[in-house]
Amino acid sequence: MRSPQLFLGTLIVVAVSTTYIFVREASLGPRFRISNDSVQNVAVTAAWRDQSRDLGTIEPGATISLTVRDEAKMTFSVRYADGSEMNSKPVYSTSGMTINVSITRERIDVGHDDDT
C-alpha cells in the first residue's frame, strides 16, 4: 500500500519541478554567447537602453554567456589588447532568443542562433 503512494508522491514532485524549470527558463531574457575568435585578449562591454555591463577580459578561443532580463537593442564594445577598439552593430533581442557574438581582429559578427 505504501509503495504506490510513494511512487505517486515522487511523480508529483518530479512533474512540478520539471514544470518550474521550463517556466523559469522561458521567462529569462535573451541569451548572448560571446566568443573571442581573435588571437589576443579582448575586454568586452555590453550596452542596452541606459544600462551597460563590463564582461571583463575574454581570452582567445574562449566563450562566455550573458543573459539579460530586458528586450532591447544590444551593442558590444570591444577593446583589443593592442589598444584598438571596435563596436558591434546593434542587434534587437527578445526573451528566449540566443544571439551569437563572434569577435575577430577584423570585425564583430552578431547574429541570431538560427541565422545562416
C-alpha atoms as a PDB file:
ATOM      1  CA  MET A   1       0.000   0.000   0.000  1.00  0.00           C
ATOM      2  CA  ARG A   2       2.795   2.375   0.849  1.00  0.00           C
ATOM      3  CA  SER A   3       4.721   1.836  -2.387  1.00  0.00           C
ATOM      4  CA  PRO A   4       2.011   3.253  -4.727  1.00  0.00           C
ATOM      5  CA  GLN A   5       1.680   6.348  -2.524  1.00  0.00           C
ATOM      6  CA  LEU A   6       5.441   6.885  -2.546  1.00  0.00           C
ATOM      7  CA  PHE A   7       5.539   6.476  -6.314  1.00  0.00           C
ATOM      8  CA  LEU A   8       2.663   8.943  -6.790  1.00  0.00           C
ATOM      9  CA  GLY A   9       4.285  11.455  -4.449  1.00  0.00           C
ATOM     10  CA  THR A  10       7.613  11.185  -6.260  1.00  0.00           C
ATOM     11  CA  LEU A  11       5.876  11.558  -9.625  1.00  0.00           C
ATOM     12  CA  ILE A  12       4.128  14.733  -8.477  1.00  0.00           C
ATOM     13  CA  VAL A  13       7.399  16.240  -7.186  1.00  0.00           C
ATOM     14  CA  VAL A  14       9.164  15.469 -10.472  1.00  0.00           C
ATOM     15  CA  ALA A  15       6.298  16.920 -12.538  1.00  0.00           C
ATOM     16  CA  VAL A  16       6.143  20.141 -10.507  1.00  0.00           C
ATOM     17  CA  SER A  17       9.948  20.553 -10.539  1.00  0.00           C
ATOM     18  CA  THR A  18      10.168  19.999 -14.300  1.00  0.00           C
ATOM     19  CA  THR A  19       7.363  22.483 -14.948  1.00  0.00           C
ATOM     20  CA  TYR A  20       9.069  25.064 -12.738  1.00  0.00           C
ATOM     21  CA  ILE A  21      12.359  24.680 -14.606  1.00  0.00           C
ATOM     22  CA  PHE A  22      10.737  25.051 -18.031  1.00  0.00           C
ATOM     23  CA  VAL A  23       8.678  28.080 -16.997  1.00  0.00           C
ATOM     24  CA  ARG A  24      11.708  29.715 -15.399  1.00  0.00           C
ATOM     25  CA  GLU A  25      13.881  29.169 -18.479  1.00  0.00           C
ATOM     26  CA  ALA A  26      11.178  30.559 -20.771  1.00  0.00           C
ATOM     27  CA  SER A  27      10.860  33.701 -18.654  1.00  0.00           C
ATOM     28  CA  LEU A  28      14.547  34.571 -18.848  1.00  0.00           C
ATOM     29  CA  GLY A  29      15.572  37.281 -21.224  1.00  0.00           C
ATOM     30  CA  PRO A  30      17.714  36.852 -24.299  1.00  0.00           C
ATOM     31  CA  ARG A  31      20.980  34.938 -24.041  1.00  0.00           C
ATOM     32  CA  PHE A  32      24.205  36.043 -25.711  1.00  0.00           C
ATOM     33  CA  ARG A  33      27.169  33.773 -26.456  1.00  0.00           C
ATOM     34  CA  ILE A  34      30.290  35.907 -26.883  1.00  0.00           C
ATOM     35  CA  SER A  35      33.259  34.141 -28.499  1.00  0.00           C
ATOM     36  CA  ASN A  36      36.746  35.569 -28.809  1.00  0.00           C
ATOM     37  CA  ASP A  37      37.903  34.209 -32.165  1.00  0.00           C
ATOM     38  CA  SER A  38      40.879  36.585 -32.331  1.00  0.00           C
ATOM     39  CA  VAL A  39      44.444  35.826 -31.271  1.00  0.00           C
ATOM     40  CA  GLN A  40      44.589  38.352 -28.438  1.00  0.00           C
ATOM     41  CA  ASN A  41      42.720  39.102 -25.221  1.00  0.00           C
ATOM     42  CA  VAL A  42      39.702  41.366 -25.588  1.00  0.00           C
ATOM     43  CA  ALA A  43      37.805  43.422 -22.997  1.00  0.00           C
ATOM     44  CA  VAL A  44      34.073  43.469 -23.756  1.00  0.00           C
ATOM     45  CA  THR A  45      31.266  45.737 -22.616  1.00  0.00           C
ATOM     46  CA  ALA A  46      27.612  45.103 -23.434  1.00  0.00           C
ATOM     47  CA  ALA A  47      25.269  48.108 -23.636  1.00  0.00           C
ATOM     48  CA  TRP A  48      21.485  48.338 -23.984  1.00  0.00           C
ATOM     49  CA  ARG A  49      18.990  51.097 -23.251  1.00  0.00           C
ATOM     50  CA  ASP A  50      20.556  53.123 -20.417  1.00  0.00           C
ATOM     51  CA  GLN A  51      22.459  50.158 -18.992  1.00  0.00           C
ATOM     52  CA  SER A  52      25.832  48.549 -19.585  1.00  0.00           C
ATOM     53  CA  ARG A  53      27.751  45.611 -18.201  1.00  0.00           C
ATOM     54  CA  ASP A  54      31.510  45.109 -18.237  1.00  0.00           C
ATOM     55  CA  LEU A  55      32.027  41.473 -19.218  1.00  0.00           C
ATOM     56  CA  GLY A  56      35.730  41.576 -18.421  1.00  0.00           C
ATOM     57  CA  THR A  57      38.592  40.121 -20.414  1.00  0.00           C
ATOM     58  CA  ILE A  58      37.947  37.171 -22.708  1.00  0.00           C
ATOM     59  CA  GLU A  59      40.951  35.080 -23.705  1.00  0.00           C
ATOM     60  CA  PRO A  60      41.495  33.872 -27.282  1.00  0.00           C
ATOM     61  CA  GLY A  61      39.323  30.851 -28.047  1.00  0.00           C
ATOM     62  CA  ALA A  62      37.096  31.375 -25.001  1.00  0.00           C
ATOM     63  CA  THR A  63      33.317  31.805 -24.992  1.00  0.00           C
ATOM     64  CA  ILE A  64      31.213  33.408 -22.265  1.00  0.00           C
ATOM     65  CA  SER A  65      27.449  33.759 -21.830  1.00  0.00           C
ATOM     66  CA  LEU A  66      25.336  36.731 -20.860  1.00  0.00           C
ATOM     67  CA  THR A  67      21.606  36.723 -20.106  1.00  0.00           C
ATOM     68  CA  VAL A  68      19.716  39.954 -19.549  1.00  0.00           C
ATOM     69  CA  ARG A  69      16.154  40.407 -18.360  1.00  0.00           C
ATOM     70  CA  ASP A  70      15.298  43.047 -20.925  1.00  0.00           C
ATOM     71  CA  GLU A  71      14.224  43.266 -24.540  1.00  0.00           C
ATOM     72  CA  ALA A  72      16.254  45.886 -26.341  1.00  0.00           C
ATOM     73  CA  LYS A  73      18.930  46.608 -28.899  1.00  0.00           C
ATOM     74  CA  MET A  74      22.273  45.362 -27.610  1.00  0.00           C
ATOM     75  CA  THR A  75      25.658  46.713 -28.698  1.00  0.00           C
ATOM     76  CA  PHE A  76      29.049  45.239 -27.813  1.00  0.00           C
ATOM     77  CA  SER A  77      32.170  47.367 -27.403  1.00  0.00           C
ATOM     78  CA  VAL A  78      35.480  45.560 -27.709  1.00  0.00           C
ATOM     79  CA  ARG A  79      38.912  46.786 -26.657  1.00  0.00           C
ATOM     80  CA  TYR A  80      41.757  44.659 -28.009  1.00  0.00           C
ATOM     81  CA  ALA A  81      44.991  44.039 -26.116  1.00  0.00           C
ATOM     82  CA  ASP A  82      46.845  46.315 -28.553  1.00  0.00           C
ATOM     83  CA  GLY A  83      44.579  49.232 -27.519  1.00  0.00           C
ATOM     84  CA  SER A  84      42.358  49.373 -30.600  1.00  0.00           C
ATOM     85  CA  GLU A  85      38.593  49.462 -30.154  1.00  0.00           C
ATOM     86  CA  MET A  86      35.571  48.378 -32.151  1.00  0.00           C
ATOM     87  CA  ASN A  87      31.769  48.407 -31.703  1.00  0.00           C
ATOM     88  CA  SER A  88      29.285  45.859 -32.989  1.00  0.00           C
ATOM     89  CA  LYS A  89      26.178  46.704 -34.944  1.00  0.00           C
ATOM     90  CA  PRO A  90      23.128  46.840 -32.671  1.00  0.00           C
ATOM     91  CA  VAL A  91      21.047  43.667 -32.505  1.00  0.00           C
ATOM     92  CA  TYR A  92      17.483  43.510 -31.229  1.00  0.00           C
ATOM     93  CA  SER A  93      16.775  40.669 -28.831  1.00  0.00           C
ATOM     94  CA  THR A  94      13.741  39.276 -27.047  1.00  0.00           C
ATOM     95  CA  SER A  95      13.111  36.614 -24.418  1.00  0.00           C
ATOM     96  CA  GLY A  96      14.070  33.097 -25.418  1.00  0.00           C
ATOM     97  CA  MET A  97      16.483  34.175 -28.171  1.00  0.00           C
ATOM     98  CA  THR A  98      20.113  33.168 -28.367  1.00  0.00           C
ATOM     99  CA  ILE A  99      22.425  35.671 -30.048  1.00  0.00           C
ATOM    100  CA  ASN A 100      25.921  34.655 -31.147  1.00  0.00           C
ATOM    101  CA  VAL A 101      28.674  37.268 -30.997  1.00  0.00           C
ATOM    102  CA  SER A 102      31.952  36.361 -32.696  1.00  0.00           C
ATOM    103  CA  ILE A 103      34.900  38.686 -32.157  1.00  0.00           C
ATOM    104  CA  THR A 104      37.730  38.574 -34.682  1.00  0.00           C
ATOM    105  CA  ARG A 105      40.517  41.015 -35.381  1.00  0.00           C
ATOM    106  CA  GLU A 106      38.673  42.419 -38.383  1.00  0.00           C
ATOM    107  CA  ARG A 107      35.090  42.625 -37.131  1.00  0.00           C
ATOM    108  CA  ILE A 108      32.389  41.694 -34.633  1.00  0.00           C
ATOM    109  CA  ASP A 109      29.757  39.382 -36.127  1.00  0.00           C
ATOM    110  CA  VAL A 110      26.388  39.411 -34.374  1.00  0.00           C
ATOM    111  CA  GLY A 111      23.537  37.125 -35.359  1.00  0.00           C
ATOM    112  CA  HIS A 112      20.611  35.106 -34.092  1.00  0.00           C
ATOM    113  CA  ASP A 113      21.131  31.413 -33.418  1.00  0.00           C
ATOM    114  CA  ASP A 114      19.071  30.485 -36.474  1.00  0.00           C
ATOM    115  CA  ASP A 115      20.958  32.802 -38.894  1.00  0.00           C
ATOM    116  CA  THR A 116      22.862  31.032 -41.642  1.00  0.00           C
END
